[in-house]
Amino acid sequence: MIIKVLLFGVLAEKAGKEELKIENISSLDELNKHINDKYPSFKNIQFRFSVNRILISGNKKLKEGDEVAMLPPFAGG
């Protein structure tokens, strides 16, 4: 199973890319652990997940083809 993960703002800057393809992840909790292991610099950044453009609080099961976005706080005027 492959999940597409979109990175925005400071997360994209730190990863050096705006999109990741991650295999064998079945939930947001697993994804969060995987991301923090692969990108330790993310640990001190607050962000929210959206799955298929819906903001998610807590854990959620993921399925093949899901699009997950990692959204740090945005500021603007």
N, C-alpha and C. Protein backbone atom coordinates (compact mmCIF):
# COMPACT_ATOMS: atom_id res chain seq x y z
N MET A 1 0.85 -1.18 0.00
CA MET A 1 0.00 0.00 0.00
C MET A 1 0.89 1.24 0.00
N ILE A 2 0.60 2.18 -0.86
CA ILE A 2 1.38 3.42 -0.96
C ILE A 2 0.48 4.61 -0.62
N ILE A 3 1.00 5.46 0.26
CA ILE A 3 0.29 6.68 0.67
C ILE A 3 1.10 7.87 0.15
N LYS A 4 0.40 8.83 -0.46
CA LYS A 4 1.04 10.07 -0.89
C LYS A 4 0.92 11.08 0.24
N VAL A 5 2.06 11.67 0.63
CA VAL A 5 2.10 12.66 1.71
C VAL A 5 2.58 13.98 1.14
N LEU A 6 1.76 15.01 1.28
CA LEU A 6 2.11 16.35 0.82
C LEU A 6 2.65 17.15 2.00
N LEU A 7 3.76 17.83 1.79
CA LEU A 7 4.38 18.65 2.83
C LEU A 7 4.24 20.11 2.46
N PHE A 8 3.98 20.94 3.45
CA PHE A 8 3.80 22.37 3.22
C PHE A 8 4.70 23.17 4.16
N GLY A 9 4.97 24.40 3.76
CA GLY A 9 5.70 25.35 4.60
C GLY A 9 7.05 24.84 5.07
N VAL A 10 7.31 25.02 6.35
CA VAL A 10 8.59 24.67 6.94
C VAL A 10 8.88 23.16 6.81
N LEU A 11 7.84 22.33 6.78
CA LEU A 11 8.06 20.89 6.63
C LEU A 11 8.65 20.57 5.26
N ALA A 12 8.13 21.19 4.22
CA ALA A 12 8.68 21.00 2.88
C ALA A 12 10.11 21.52 2.80
N GLU A 13 10.36 22.66 3.44
CA GLU A 13 11.70 23.22 3.43
C GLU A 13 12.69 22.28 4.10
N LYS A 14 12.33 21.75 5.26
CA LYS A 14 13.24 20.87 5.99
C LYS A 14 13.46 19.53 5.28
N ALA A 15 12.44 19.02 4.62
CA ALA A 15 12.56 17.74 3.90
C ALA A 15 13.23 17.92 2.54
N GLY A 16 13.21 19.14 2.01
CA GLY A 16 13.78 19.40 0.69
C GLY A 16 12.90 18.90 -0.44
N LYS A 17 11.63 18.64 -0.13
CA LYS A 17 10.67 18.21 -1.15
C LYS A 17 9.27 18.48 -0.66
N GLU A 18 8.32 18.50 -1.57
CA GLU A 18 6.93 18.78 -1.23
C GLU A 18 6.04 17.56 -1.22
N GLU A 19 6.56 16.41 -1.65
CA GLU A 19 5.75 15.20 -1.70
C GLU A 19 6.58 13.98 -1.36
N LEU A 20 6.00 13.08 -0.58
CA LEU A 20 6.62 11.81 -0.24
C LEU A 20 5.68 10.69 -0.65
N LYS A 21 6.23 9.56 -1.01
CA LYS A 21 5.45 8.33 -1.23
C LYS A 21 5.94 7.36 -0.16
N ILE A 22 5.02 6.90 0.68
CA ILE A 22 5.39 6.03 1.80
C ILE A 22 4.60 4.74 1.70
N GLU A 23 5.32 3.63 1.85
CA GLU A 23 4.70 2.31 1.75
C GLU A 23 4.48 1.69 3.12
N ASN A 24 3.51 0.79 3.17
CA ASN A 24 3.25 -0.06 4.34
C ASN A 24 2.93 0.72 5.61
N ILE A 25 2.12 1.75 5.48
CA ILE A 25 1.63 2.53 6.61
C ILE A 25 0.12 2.40 6.61
N SER A 26 -0.46 2.04 7.76
CA SER A 26 -1.91 1.79 7.78
C SER A 26 -2.70 2.79 8.63
N SER A 27 -2.01 3.72 9.31
CA SER A 27 -2.73 4.70 10.13
C SER A 27 -1.91 5.98 10.27
N LEU A 28 -2.57 7.04 10.69
CA LEU A 28 -1.87 8.30 10.92
C LEU A 28 -0.86 8.18 12.04
N ASP A 29 -1.16 7.40 13.08
CA ASP A 29 -0.18 7.20 14.16
C ASP A 29 1.09 6.56 13.63
N GLU A 30 0.96 5.53 12.78
CA GLU A 30 2.13 4.90 12.17
C GLU A 30 2.88 5.88 11.28
N LEU A 31 2.14 6.66 10.51
CA LEU A 31 2.76 7.64 9.63
C LEU A 31 3.53 8.67 10.44
N ASN A 32 2.95 9.17 11.51
CA ASN A 32 3.60 10.17 12.35
C ASN A 32 4.92 9.62 12.90
N LYS A 33 4.90 8.39 13.38
CA LYS A 33 6.13 7.77 13.91
C LYS A 33 7.16 7.63 12.80
N HIS A 34 6.75 7.14 11.64
CA HIS A 34 7.66 6.96 10.50
C HIS A 34 8.30 8.29 10.10
N ILE A 35 7.48 9.33 9.99
CA ILE A 35 7.97 10.65 9.57
C ILE A 35 8.96 11.20 10.60
N ASN A 36 8.62 11.07 11.89
CA ASN A 36 9.53 11.59 12.92
C ASN A 36 10.84 10.81 12.98
N ASP A 37 10.80 9.52 12.67
CA ASP A 37 12.03 8.73 12.61
C ASP A 37 12.89 9.15 11.42
N LYS A 38 12.26 9.36 10.27
CA LYS A 38 12.98 9.70 9.05
C LYS A 38 13.44 11.16 9.03
N TYR A 39 12.63 12.05 9.60
CA TYR A 39 12.93 13.48 9.63
C TYR A 39 12.90 13.98 11.07
N PRO A 40 13.97 13.75 11.84
CA PRO A 40 13.99 14.15 13.26
C PRO A 40 13.75 15.65 13.46
N SER A 41 14.07 16.45 12.46
CA SER A 41 13.88 17.91 12.60
C SER A 41 12.40 18.29 12.65
N PHE A 42 11.50 17.38 12.29
CA PHE A 42 10.05 17.65 12.35
C PHE A 42 9.50 17.58 13.78
N LYS A 43 10.22 16.94 14.68
CA LYS A 43 9.68 16.66 16.02
C LYS A 43 9.26 17.91 16.77
N ASN A 44 9.92 19.04 16.55
CA ASN A 44 9.59 20.26 17.29
C ASN A 44 8.65 21.18 16.53
N ILE A 45 8.09 20.70 15.42
CA ILE A 45 7.18 21.51 14.61
C ILE A 45 5.76 21.00 14.81
N GLN A 46 4.87 21.90 15.17
CA GLN A 46 3.47 21.52 15.29
C GLN A 46 2.84 21.49 13.91
N PHE A 47 2.02 20.49 13.66
CA PHE A 47 1.31 20.40 12.39
C PHE A 47 0.05 19.57 12.58
N ARG A 48 -0.83 19.68 11.61
CA ARG A 48 -2.05 18.87 11.59
C ARG A 48 -2.05 18.03 10.33
N PHE A 49 -2.75 16.92 10.40
CA PHE A 49 -2.92 16.07 9.24
C PHE A 49 -4.27 16.34 8.59
N SER A 50 -4.31 16.28 7.28
CA SER A 50 -5.57 16.16 6.58
C SER A 50 -5.47 14.90 5.72
N VAL A 51 -6.59 14.21 5.57
CA VAL A 51 -6.65 13.02 4.73
C VAL A 51 -7.72 13.29 3.68
N ASN A 52 -7.30 13.23 2.43
CA ASN A 52 -8.20 13.52 1.31
C ASN A 52 -8.92 14.86 1.51
N ARG A 53 -8.14 15.85 1.94
CA ARG A 53 -8.57 17.25 2.13
C ARG A 53 -9.54 17.47 3.28
N ILE A 54 -9.57 16.56 4.24
CA ILE A 54 -10.40 16.71 5.44
C ILE A 54 -9.46 16.71 6.65
N LEU A 55 -9.51 17.78 7.47
CA LEU A 55 -8.68 17.85 8.67
C LEU A 55 -9.07 16.73 9.63
N ILE A 56 -8.06 16.09 10.20
CA ILE A 56 -8.27 14.95 11.09
C ILE A 56 -7.69 15.26 12.46
N SER A 57 -8.43 14.95 13.50
CA SER A 57 -7.92 15.02 14.87
C SER A 57 -7.79 13.59 15.36
N GLY A 58 -6.63 13.25 15.87
CA GLY A 58 -6.41 11.90 16.38
C GLY A 58 -5.97 10.95 15.27
N ASN A 59 -6.14 9.67 15.54
CA ASN A 59 -5.69 8.63 14.62
C ASN A 59 -6.77 8.34 13.57
N LYS A 60 -6.35 7.82 12.42
CA LYS A 60 -7.28 7.42 11.37
C LYS A 60 -6.62 6.31 10.57
N LYS A 61 -7.39 5.32 10.22
CA LYS A 61 -6.90 4.25 9.33
C LYS A 61 -6.71 4.84 7.95
N LEU A 62 -5.66 4.39 7.26
CA LEU A 62 -5.39 4.85 5.91
C LEU A 62 -5.57 3.70 4.94
N LYS A 63 -5.87 4.05 3.68
CA LYS A 63 -6.04 3.02 2.65
C LYS A 63 -5.27 3.44 1.40
N GLU A 64 -5.04 2.47 0.54
CA GLU A 64 -4.33 2.70 -0.72
C GLU A 64 -4.89 3.92 -1.44
N GLY A 65 -3.99 4.80 -1.88
CA GLY A 65 -4.40 5.96 -2.65
C GLY A 65 -4.78 7.18 -1.83
N ASP A 66 -4.82 7.06 -0.50
CA ASP A 66 -5.13 8.23 0.32
C ASP A 66 -4.06 9.30 0.12
N GLU A 67 -4.51 10.55 0.14
CA GLU A 67 -3.61 11.69 0.08
C GLU A 67 -3.60 12.35 1.45
N VAL A 68 -2.44 12.34 2.07
CA VAL A 68 -2.29 12.91 3.40
C VAL A 68 -1.48 14.19 3.26
N ALA A 69 -1.96 15.26 3.88
CA ALA A 69 -1.22 16.52 3.90
C ALA A 69 -0.80 16.81 5.33
N MET A 70 0.44 17.27 5.48
CA MET A 70 0.94 17.70 6.77
C MET A 70 0.97 19.22 6.76
N LEU A 71 0.14 19.82 7.61
CA LEU A 71 -0.10 21.25 7.56
C LEU A 71 0.43 21.95 8.81
N PRO A 72 1.54 22.67 8.70
CA PRO A 72 2.02 23.47 9.82
C PRO A 72 1.15 24.72 9.95
N PRO A 73 1.27 25.45 11.05
CA PRO A 73 0.50 26.69 11.17
C PRO A 73 0.86 27.66 10.03
N PHE A 74 -0.15 28.32 9.50
CA PHE A 74 0.05 29.28 8.43
C PHE A 74 -0.16 30.68 9.00
N ALA A 75 0.60 31.62 8.51
CA ALA A 75 0.41 33.02 8.89
C ALA A 75 0.29 33.83 7.61
N GLY A 76 -0.42 34.88 7.69
CA GLY A 76 -0.53 35.70 6.49
C GLY A 76 -1.34 36.93 6.77
N GLY A 77 -1.52 37.71 5.75
CA GLY A 77 -2.24 38.95 5.97
C GLY A 77 -3.19 39.25 4.88
